[in-house]
């Protein structure tokens, strides 16, 4: 499904790393938004020596990169930020892992062949049919919290719910949603983090387990079709490799098993943390629940779960007045685009009533716009509705400070300690 190192080469040394570029620490989240705001003013496009990427922070430049599919290839999207050792790649190949590109890391011909087929299942109309079941899942998790005085909301709700929803789409009944999350966590850590040694080796073993499970699921659906994603893809395939190969189908299932829940987990955690950090905004929602959909959009804008995305130049380009050579790696800051003060007034203020909030690019833009966007919005809306209804006095636990997912690309709280009934304790 991904081009891990097969055609990826490190760019030439000697790129001009400025003082700001040398100070950039993409895995450190303290002061994250302050750093991006500083870059937008002082050096909107800079070169990061630590990861060998050009970082693009202003909205107009981010949108220009996302719109120019000829100059900026998506093939690098799922390559490891820090290249894997050759023996590690060889072990993945020997284990049967496919390096063929799929939706998120494909360009023109492959993407135009795959996306229309995936979109026949992954669309807002289909997602809406799961609404009642999603709400039932959320209510079950909320009921399980009981009358606890202190709860980690990630562990209790936002970690597993999106994976359970994904299991509905895929018709998964033979493994736990937590196993899906474990596979995804390892996948994200090895691709977008900086795993080494035994941690990387274990992530590789988990990746192969993950891939083999997807192969087994697709093989089962060939004999036992259901009303699920893999079965629909196989039906569209009709036994014709020119339409879709079996590897295509496995890759599409494999891809959605990460993209279908990890971003929603992080986005919902970010949203609740932001709301509970500004009591006035929480109280506005309590007084007017009709603002919840807009609050969800503001959460996506204010605290993007995908803070950076990647492209690679196919020709010499100029971004924000900076000349960048062919074959250069580009890190586009979606967080920067969503907090650009030329578009959003006082961007670091969370405003559940913000008028132009849907101008955010949390789900990307253009032909790679996230197919799961309507589902993420639906899940986040339901979770926020049910949390507000069950725990209107919820507060952040005293002294709580989040630690963040340790990757270049994704940002969300690893834990979110709350007092469900507020400072007065359990009801």
Foldseek 3Di string as FASTA:
>chain_A
DAQAPPPADQDDPDPDADPLLAPDDLLDCVCVVVSLVVCVPPPQWGAHPVQQAIEHFAQVLLQVQLAPCPFWALRCFQYASDHDDPVLVVVLVVLPDDNDDAQRRHGDPRNVLHVVLLLVCLALVNLVVCLVVLLVLLVVLVVVCPQFQKDWCLVSHLVQSLLVSLCVQLVDDPDGSVLLSVLLLLSQCRRFFDDDDPSVVVSSVSPSVLLVVLLVSLVVCVVVPDNHSSVSSVVQCVVPVVNPDSVNSSVVSSVCSNVRRPQLSFLLQQLVVLCLVPVVNLVVCLVPVVLLLLSSLLSCLQPQQFQWTKIAGQAWDAGPNRIDGHGGIHIYGLNSSSQPCVVFPPSNRRDSPGDPSVVRQSQHDDPSRDSNVSNSSSSSSSNVVVLCVQQVQKHFDPPDDFDWSRGSTGTGGPTTMMRSNHPVGGD
